[in-house]
Amino acid sequence: MQRNKTYAKILEQQGFFDEAYQIYKELLQVSPNDTQIKQALRRLKKLRTKFIGVNEKQRDFFVQMQTDEEFREFEEWLIGE
């Protein structure tokens, strides 16, 4: 997949803040005056700070859940069973 603003936005919406941030940083080097990229980097910097310590394995599992069984597994993890 091409590393562009659209892809970075999709990653951001799916909760992959670090990956999106890295793509925006790369894009900023190519387009240093792009205000959308600068805004995205500021927004993601705040989000990345807010979610420090998030269990990335569980976050990724949550983002990709599709079946009722997966939802139950995640609920059990949340309540510590």
PDB file of N, CA and C in Angstrom:
ATOM      1  N   MET A   1       0.841  -1.183   0.000  1.00  0.00           N
ATOM      2  CA  MET A   1       0.000   0.000   0.000  1.00  0.00           C
ATOM      3  C   MET A   1       0.885   1.245   0.000  1.00  0.00           C
ATOM      4  N   GLN A   2       0.428   2.231  -0.714  1.00  0.00           N
ATOM      5  CA  GLN A   2       1.177   3.477  -0.821  1.00  0.00           C
ATOM      6  C   GLN A   2       1.085   4.268   0.487  1.00  0.00           C
ATOM      7  N   ARG A   3       2.204   4.790   0.932  1.00  0.00           N
ATOM      8  CA  ARG A   3       2.254   5.548   2.193  1.00  0.00           C
ATOM      9  C   ARG A   3       1.922   7.005   1.878  1.00  0.00           C
ATOM     10  N   ASN A   4       0.655   7.342   2.020  1.00  0.00           N
ATOM     11  CA  ASN A   4       0.198   8.700   1.733  1.00  0.00           C
ATOM     12  C   ASN A   4      -0.740   9.170   2.851  1.00  0.00           C
ATOM     13  N   LYS A   5      -1.285  10.377   2.695  1.00  0.00           N
ATOM     14  CA  LYS A   5      -2.152  10.933   3.742  1.00  0.00           C
ATOM     15  C   LYS A   5      -3.389  10.073   3.969  1.00  0.00           C
ATOM     16  N   THR A   6      -3.939   9.534   2.908  1.00  0.00           N
ATOM     17  CA  THR A   6      -5.142   8.699   3.048  1.00  0.00           C
ATOM     18  C   THR A   6      -4.843   7.462   3.878  1.00  0.00           C
ATOM     19  N   TYR A   7      -3.740   6.803   3.581  1.00  0.00           N
ATOM     20  CA  TYR A   7      -3.364   5.616   4.338  1.00  0.00           C
ATOM     21  C   TYR A   7      -3.084   5.966   5.799  1.00  0.00           C
ATOM     22  N   ALA A   8      -2.400   7.068   6.032  1.00  0.00           N
ATOM     23  CA  ALA A   8      -2.114   7.502   7.402  1.00  0.00           C
ATOM     24  C   ALA A   8      -3.416   7.781   8.155  1.00  0.00           C
ATOM     25  N   LYS A   9      -4.373   8.403   7.498  1.00  0.00           N
ATOM     26  CA  LYS A   9      -5.668   8.705   8.127  1.00  0.00           C
ATOM     27  C   LYS A   9      -6.411   7.418   8.476  1.00  0.00           C
ATOM     28  N   ILE A  10      -6.362   6.442   7.590  1.00  0.00           N
ATOM     29  CA  ILE A  10      -7.008   5.151   7.876  1.00  0.00           C
ATOM     30  C   ILE A  10      -6.366   4.499   9.093  1.00  0.00           C
ATOM     31  N   LEU A  11      -5.048   4.492   9.141  1.00  0.00           N
ATOM     32  CA  LEU A  11      -4.355   3.928  10.304  1.00  0.00           C
ATOM     33  C   LEU A  11      -4.752   4.658  11.580  1.00  0.00           C
ATOM     34  N   GLU A  12      -4.813   5.975  11.506  1.00  0.00           N
ATOM     35  CA  GLU A  12      -5.198   6.773  12.669  1.00  0.00           C
ATOM     36  C   GLU A  12      -6.602   6.402  13.130  1.00  0.00           C
ATOM     37  N   GLN A  13      -7.524   6.285  12.213  1.00  0.00           N
ATOM     38  CA  GLN A  13      -8.910   5.962  12.565  1.00  0.00           C
ATOM     39  C   GLN A  13      -9.030   4.568  13.167  1.00  0.00           C
ATOM     40  N   GLN A  14      -8.117   3.689  12.812  1.00  0.00           N
ATOM     41  CA  GLN A  14      -8.134   2.338  13.353  1.00  0.00           C
ATOM     42  C   GLN A  14      -7.351   2.223  14.660  1.00  0.00           C
ATOM     43  N   GLY A  15      -6.770   3.329  15.110  1.00  0.00           N
ATOM     44  CA  GLY A  15      -6.060   3.331  16.380  1.00  0.00           C
ATOM     45  C   GLY A  15      -4.581   3.041  16.294  1.00  0.00           C
ATOM     46  N   PHE A  16      -4.037   2.977  15.090  1.00  0.00           N
ATOM     47  CA  PHE A  16      -2.615   2.731  14.912  1.00  0.00           C
ATOM     48  C   PHE A  16      -1.892   4.073  14.860  1.00  0.00           C
ATOM     49  N   PHE A  17      -1.868   4.745  16.003  1.00  0.00           N
ATOM     50  CA  PHE A  17      -1.367   6.113  16.079  1.00  0.00           C
ATOM     51  C   PHE A  17       0.120   6.228  15.751  1.00  0.00           C
ATOM     52  N   ASP A  18       0.923   5.294  16.256  1.00  0.00           N
ATOM     53  CA  ASP A  18       2.366   5.360  16.008  1.00  0.00           C
ATOM     54  C   ASP A  18       2.675   5.202  14.520  1.00  0.00           C
ATOM     55  N   GLU A  19       2.006   4.247  13.889  1.00  0.00           N
ATOM     56  CA  GLU A  19       2.241   4.019  12.469  1.00  0.00           C
ATOM     57  C   GLU A  19       1.826   5.232  11.645  1.00  0.00           C
ATOM     58  N   ALA A  20       0.661   5.781  11.963  1.00  0.00           N
ATOM     59  CA  ALA A  20       0.186   6.969  11.249  1.00  0.00           C
ATOM     60  C   ALA A  20       1.138   8.142  11.458  1.00  0.00           C
ATOM     61  N   TYR A  21       1.599   8.322  12.679  1.00  0.00           N
ATOM     62  CA  TYR A  21       2.518   9.411  13.004  1.00  0.00           C
ATOM     63  C   TYR A  21       3.795   9.306  12.154  1.00  0.00           C
ATOM     64  N   GLN A  22       4.339   8.088  12.032  1.00  0.00           N
ATOM     65  CA  GLN A  22       5.561   7.896  11.264  1.00  0.00           C
ATOM     66  C   GLN A  22       5.351   8.239   9.788  1.00  0.00           C
ATOM     67  N   ILE A  23       4.211   7.844   9.249  1.00  0.00           N
ATOM     68  CA  ILE A  23       3.925   8.161   7.844  1.00  0.00           C
ATOM     69  C   ILE A  23       3.810   9.669   7.658  1.00  0.00           C
ATOM     70  N   TYR A  24       3.091  10.338   8.557  1.00  0.00           N
ATOM     71  CA  TYR A  24       2.964  11.793   8.448  1.00  0.00           C
ATOM     72  C   TYR A  24       4.328  12.478   8.552  1.00  0.00           C
ATOM     73  N   LYS A  25       5.208  11.968   9.421  1.00  0.00           N
ATOM     74  CA  LYS A  25       6.553  12.547   9.526  1.00  0.00           C
ATOM     75  C   LYS A  25       7.312  12.410   8.209  1.00  0.00           C
ATOM     76  N   GLU A  26       7.191  11.244   7.583  1.00  0.00           N
ATOM     77  CA  GLU A  26       7.850  11.035   6.287  1.00  0.00           C
ATOM     78  C   GLU A  26       7.263  11.987   5.238  1.00  0.00           C
ATOM     79  N   LEU A  27       5.954  12.134   5.238  1.00  0.00           N
ATOM     80  CA  LEU A  27       5.293  13.009   4.270  1.00  0.00           C
ATOM     81  C   LEU A  27       5.676  14.469   4.477  1.00  0.00           C
ATOM     82  N   LEU A  28       5.878  14.852   5.736  1.00  0.00           N
ATOM     83  CA  LEU A  28       6.246  16.230   6.026  1.00  0.00           C
ATOM     84  C   LEU A  28       7.623  16.566   5.453  1.00  0.00           C
ATOM     85  N   GLN A  29       8.506  15.599   5.403  1.00  0.00           N
ATOM     86  CA  GLN A  29       9.828  15.836   4.813  1.00  0.00           C
ATOM     87  C   GLN A  29       9.711  16.156   3.326  1.00  0.00           C
ATOM     88  N   VAL A  30       8.737  15.549   2.667  1.00  0.00           N
ATOM     89  CA  VAL A  30       8.522  15.790   1.241  1.00  0.00           C
ATOM     90  C   VAL A  30       7.732  17.082   1.009  1.00  0.00           C
ATOM     91  N   SER A  31       6.776  17.349   1.912  1.00  0.00           N
ATOM     92  CA  SER A  31       5.902  18.529   1.779  1.00  0.00           C
ATOM     93  C   SER A  31       5.909  19.323   3.086  1.00  0.00           C
ATOM     94  N   PRO A  32       6.984  20.055   3.369  1.00  0.00           N
ATOM     95  CA  PRO A  32       7.129  20.723   4.666  1.00  0.00           C
ATOM     96  C   PRO A  32       6.121  21.843   4.934  1.00  0.00           C
ATOM     97  N   ASN A  33       5.421  22.305   3.930  1.00  0.00           N
ATOM     98  CA  ASN A  33       4.444  23.384   4.134  1.00  0.00           C
ATOM     99  C   ASN A  33       3.002  22.896   4.160  1.00  0.00           C
ATOM    100  N   ASP A  34       2.794  21.593   4.142  1.00  0.00           N
ATOM    101  CA  ASP A  34       1.449  21.021   4.118  1.00  0.00           C
ATOM    102  C   ASP A  34       0.806  21.164   5.501  1.00  0.00           C
ATOM    103  N   THR A  35      -0.196  22.035   5.599  1.00  0.00           N
ATOM    104  CA  THR A  35      -0.829  22.300   6.903  1.00  0.00           C
ATOM    105  C   THR A  35      -1.635  21.106   7.407  1.00  0.00           C
ATOM    106  N   GLN A  36      -2.189  20.303   6.513  1.00  0.00           N
ATOM    107  CA  GLN A  36      -2.934  19.117   6.949  1.00  0.00           C
ATOM    108  C   GLN A  36      -2.008  18.125   7.650  1.00  0.00           C
ATOM    109  N   ILE A  37      -0.830  17.951   7.103  1.00  0.00           N
ATOM    110  CA  ILE A  37       0.134  17.041   7.720  1.00  0.00           C
ATOM    111  C   ILE A  37       0.567  17.578   9.076  1.00  0.00           C
ATOM    112  N   LYS A  38       0.828  18.864   9.161  1.00  0.00           N
ATOM    113  CA  LYS A  38       1.234  19.466  10.442  1.00  0.00           C
ATOM    114  C   LYS A  38       0.137  19.317  11.489  1.00  0.00           C
ATOM    115  N   GLN A  39      -1.110  19.527  11.095  1.00  0.00           N
ATOM    116  CA  GLN A  39      -2.241  19.362  12.027  1.00  0.00           C
ATOM    117  C   GLN A  39      -2.354  17.911  12.482  1.00  0.00           C
ATOM    118  N   ALA A  40      -2.192  16.992  11.543  1.00  0.00           N
ATOM    119  CA  ALA A  40      -2.274  15.571  11.887  1.00  0.00           C
ATOM    120  C   ALA A  40      -1.178  15.189  12.876  1.00  0.00           C
ATOM    121  N   LEU A  41       0.027  15.692  12.672  1.00  0.00           N
ATOM    122  CA  LEU A  41       1.127  15.389  13.586  1.00  0.00           C
ATOM    123  C   LEU A  41       0.854  15.939  14.987  1.00  0.00           C
ATOM    124  N   ARG A  42       0.319  17.147  15.067  1.00  0.00           N
ATOM    125  CA  ARG A  42      -0.025  17.713  16.387  1.00  0.00           C
ATOM    126  C   ARG A  42      -1.102  16.873  17.071  1.00  0.00           C
ATOM    127  N   ARG A  43      -2.120  16.500  16.304  1.00  0.00           N
ATOM    128  CA  ARG A  43      -3.226  15.699  16.844  1.00  0.00           C
ATOM    129  C   ARG A  43      -2.705  14.341  17.329  1.00  0.00           C
ATOM    130  N   LEU A  44      -1.885  13.713  16.522  1.00  0.00           N
ATOM    131  CA  LEU A  44      -1.373  12.393  16.880  1.00  0.00           C
ATOM    132  C   LEU A  44      -0.379  12.449  18.030  1.00  0.00           C
ATOM    133  N   LYS A  45       0.363  13.526  18.123  1.00  0.00           N
ATOM    134  CA  LYS A  45       1.297  13.661  19.243  1.00  0.00           C
ATOM    135  C   LYS A  45       0.529  13.633  20.561  1.00  0.00           C
ATOM    136  N   LYS A  46      -0.611  14.318  20.598  1.00  0.00           N
ATOM    137  CA  LYS A  46      -1.446  14.305  21.806  1.00  0.00           C
ATOM    138  C   LYS A  46      -2.003  12.911  22.066  1.00  0.00           C
ATOM    139  N   LEU A  47      -2.479  12.252  21.026  1.00  0.00           N
ATOM    140  CA  LEU A  47      -3.054  10.913  21.180  1.00  0.00           C
ATOM    141  C   LEU A  47      -2.006   9.903  21.612  1.00  0.00           C
ATOM    142  N   ARG A  48      -0.824   9.985  21.035  1.00  0.00           N
ATOM    143  CA  ARG A  48       0.243   9.050  21.394  1.00  0.00           C
ATOM    144  C   ARG A  48       0.614   9.208  22.857  1.00  0.00           C
ATOM    145  N   THR A  49       0.632  10.428  23.350  1.00  0.00           N
ATOM    146  CA  THR A  49       0.941  10.680  24.756  1.00  0.00           C
ATOM    147  C   THR A  49      -0.176  10.147  25.643  1.00  0.00           C
ATOM    148  N   LYS A  50      -1.406  10.333  25.217  1.00  0.00           N
ATOM    149  CA  LYS A  50      -2.562   9.900  25.994  1.00  0.00           C
ATOM    150  C   LYS A  50      -2.617   8.389  26.158  1.00  0.00           C
ATOM    151  N   PHE A  51      -2.164   7.647  25.152  1.00  0.00           N
ATOM    152  CA  PHE A  51      -2.289   6.197  25.171  1.00  0.00           C
ATOM    153  C   PHE A  51      -0.987   5.463  25.457  1.00  0.00           C
ATOM    154  N   ILE A  52      -0.062   6.122  26.111  1.00  0.00           N
ATOM    155  CA  ILE A  52       1.180   5.451  26.500  1.00  0.00           C
ATOM    156  C   ILE A  52       0.828   4.324  27.472  1.00  0.00           C
ATOM    157  N   GLY A  53       1.398   3.173  27.258  1.00  0.00           N
ATOM    158  CA  GLY A  53       1.150   2.034  28.130  1.00  0.00           C
ATOM    159  C   GLY A  53      -0.014   1.162  27.688  1.00  0.00           C
ATOM    160  N   VAL A  54      -0.644   1.473  26.582  1.00  0.00           N
ATOM    161  CA  VAL A  54      -1.741   0.654  26.080  1.00  0.00           C
ATOM    162  C   VAL A  54      -1.181  -0.702  25.667  1.00  0.00           C
ATOM    163  N   ASN A  55      -1.905  -1.752  25.997  1.00  0.00           N
ATOM    164  CA  ASN A  55      -1.522  -3.092  25.585  1.00  0.00           C
ATOM    165  C   ASN A  55      -1.769  -3.201  24.087  1.00  0.00           C
ATOM    166  N   GLU A  56      -0.707  -3.083  23.307  1.00  0.00           N
ATOM    167  CA  GLU A  56      -0.852  -3.017  21.849  1.00  0.00           C
ATOM    168  C   GLU A  56      -1.391  -4.312  21.260  1.00  0.00           C
ATOM    169  N   LYS A  57      -1.037  -5.439  21.847  1.00  0.00           N
ATOM    170  CA  LYS A  57      -1.555  -6.715  21.346  1.00  0.00           C
ATOM    171  C   LYS A  57      -3.074  -6.752  21.486  1.00  0.00           C
ATOM    172  N   GLN A  58      -3.583  -6.356  22.641  1.00  0.00           N
ATOM    173  CA  GLN A  58      -5.029  -6.349  22.850  1.00  0.00           C
ATOM    174  C   GLN A  58      -5.708  -5.258  22.017  1.00  0.00           C
ATOM    175  N   ARG A  59      -5.064  -4.112  21.866  1.00  0.00           N
ATOM    176  CA  ARG A  59      -5.613  -3.053  21.029  1.00  0.00           C
ATOM    177  C   ARG A  59      -5.783  -3.539  19.598  1.00  0.00           C
ATOM    178  N   ASP A  60      -4.752  -4.204  19.079  1.00  0.00           N
ATOM    179  CA  ASP A  60      -4.821  -4.716  17.720  1.00  0.00           C
ATOM    180  C   ASP A  60      -5.896  -5.788  17.588  1.00  0.00           C
ATOM    181  N   PHE A  61      -5.995  -6.634  18.595  1.00  0.00           N
ATOM    182  CA  PHE A  61      -7.034  -7.665  18.587  1.00  0.00           C
ATOM    183  C   PHE A  61      -8.411  -7.012  18.571  1.00  0.00           C
ATOM    184  N   PHE A  62      -8.595  -5.987  19.413  1.00  0.00           N
ATOM    185  CA  PHE A  62      -9.873  -5.278  19.488  1.00  0.00           C
ATOM    186  C   PHE A  62     -10.229  -4.641  18.146  1.00  0.00           C
ATOM    187  N   VAL A  63      -9.282  -3.989  17.523  1.00  0.00           N
ATOM    188  CA  VAL A  63      -9.526  -3.301  16.252  1.00  0.00           C
ATOM    189  C   VAL A  63      -9.946  -4.292  15.175  1.00  0.00           C
ATOM    190  N   GLN A  64      -9.425  -5.502  15.233  1.00  0.00           N
ATOM    191  CA  GLN A  64      -9.679  -6.471  14.175  1.00  0.00           C
ATOM    192  C   GLN A  64     -10.775  -7.485  14.507  1.00  0.00           C
ATOM    193  N   MET A  65     -11.432  -7.357  15.663  1.00  0.00           N
ATOM    194  CA  MET A  65     -12.470  -8.314  16.051  1.00  0.00           C
ATOM    195  C   MET A  65     -13.614  -8.332  15.051  1.00  0.00           C
ATOM    196  N   GLN A  66     -14.105  -9.543  14.784  1.00  0.00           N
ATOM    197  CA  GLN A  66     -15.209  -9.681  13.848  1.00  0.00           C
ATOM    198  C   GLN A  66     -16.277 -10.652  14.325  1.00  0.00           C
ATOM    199  N   THR A  67     -15.920 -11.611  15.154  1.00  0.00           N
ATOM    200  CA  THR A  67     -16.885 -12.628  15.563  1.00  0.00           C
ATOM    201  C   THR A  67     -17.334 -12.412  17.006  1.00  0.00           C
ATOM    202  N   ASP A  68     -18.476 -13.005  17.333  1.00  0.00           N
ATOM    203  CA  ASP A  68     -18.976 -12.942  18.712  1.00  0.00           C
ATOM    204  C   ASP A  68     -17.984 -13.574  19.674  1.00  0.00           C
ATOM    205  N   GLU A  69     -17.328 -14.645  19.259  1.00  0.00           N
ATOM    206  CA  GLU A  69     -16.342 -15.310  20.104  1.00  0.00           C
ATOM    207  C   GLU A  69     -15.176 -14.376  20.426  1.00  0.00           C
ATOM    208  N   GLU A  70     -14.739 -13.622  19.445  1.00  0.00           N
ATOM    209  CA  GLU A  70     -13.655 -12.666  19.676  1.00  0.00           C
ATOM    210  C   GLU A  70     -14.097 -11.566  20.639  1.00  0.00           C
ATOM    211  N   PHE A  71     -15.333 -11.094  20.515  1.00  0.00           N
ATOM    212  CA  PHE A  71     -15.838 -10.090  21.445  1.00  0.00           C
ATOM    213  C   PHE A  71     -15.889 -10.654  22.864  1.00  0.00           C
ATOM    214  N   ARG A  72     -16.329 -11.899  23.022  1.00  0.00           N
ATOM    215  CA  ARG A  72     -16.371 -12.519  24.352  1.00  0.00           C
ATOM    216  C   ARG A  72     -14.965 -12.654  24.927  1.00  0.00           C
ATOM    217  N   GLU A  73     -14.022 -13.080  24.086  1.00  0.00           N
ATOM    218  CA  GLU A  73     -12.637 -13.211  24.547  1.00  0.00           C
ATOM    219  C   GLU A  73     -12.100 -11.870  25.033  1.00  0.00           C
ATOM    220  N   PHE A  74     -12.394 -10.812  24.299  1.00  0.00           N
ATOM    221  CA  PHE A  74     -11.925  -9.490  24.696  1.00  0.00           C
ATOM    222  C   PHE A  74     -12.603  -9.041  25.994  1.00  0.00           C
ATOM    223  N   GLU A  75     -13.893  -9.283  26.118  1.00  0.00           N
ATOM    224  CA  GLU A  75     -14.614  -8.927  27.353  1.00  0.00           C
ATOM    225  C   GLU A  75     -14.020  -9.647  28.551  1.00  0.00           C
ATOM    226  N   GLU A  76     -13.693 -10.943  28.384  1.00  0.00           N
ATOM    227  CA  GLU A  76     -13.078 -11.696  29.474  1.00  0.00           C
ATOM    228  C   GLU A  76     -11.734 -11.101  29.855  1.00  0.00           C
ATOM    229  N   TRP A  77     -10.956 -10.681  28.860  1.00  0.00           N
ATOM    230  CA  TRP A  77      -9.673 -10.063  29.154  1.00  0.00           C
ATOM    231  C   TRP A  77      -9.874  -8.758  29.930  1.00  0.00           C
ATOM    232  N   LEU A  78     -10.898  -7.966  29.530  1.00  0.00           N
ATOM    233  CA  LEU A  78     -11.155  -6.702  30.197  1.00  0.00           C
ATOM    234  C   LEU A  78     -11.495  -6.871  31.675  1.00  0.00           C
ATOM    235  N   ILE A  79     -12.296  -7.885  31.970  1.00  0.00           N
ATOM    236  CA  ILE A  79     -12.722  -8.063  33.367  1.00  0.00           C
ATOM    237  C   ILE A  79     -11.787  -8.972  34.148  1.00  0.00           C
ATOM    238  N   GLY A  80     -10.746  -9.465  33.463  1.00  0.00           N
ATOM    239  CA  GLY A  80      -9.700 -10.219  34.147  1.00  0.00           C
ATOM    240  C   GLY A  80     -10.028 -11.666  34.427  1.00  0.00           C
ATOM    241  N   GLU A  81     -10.858 -12.273  33.621  1.00  0.00           N
ATOM    242  CA  GLU A  81     -11.176 -13.695  33.828  1.00  0.00           C
ATOM    243  C   GLU A  81     -10.239 -14.574  33.071  1.00  0.00           C
TER     244      GLU A  81
END
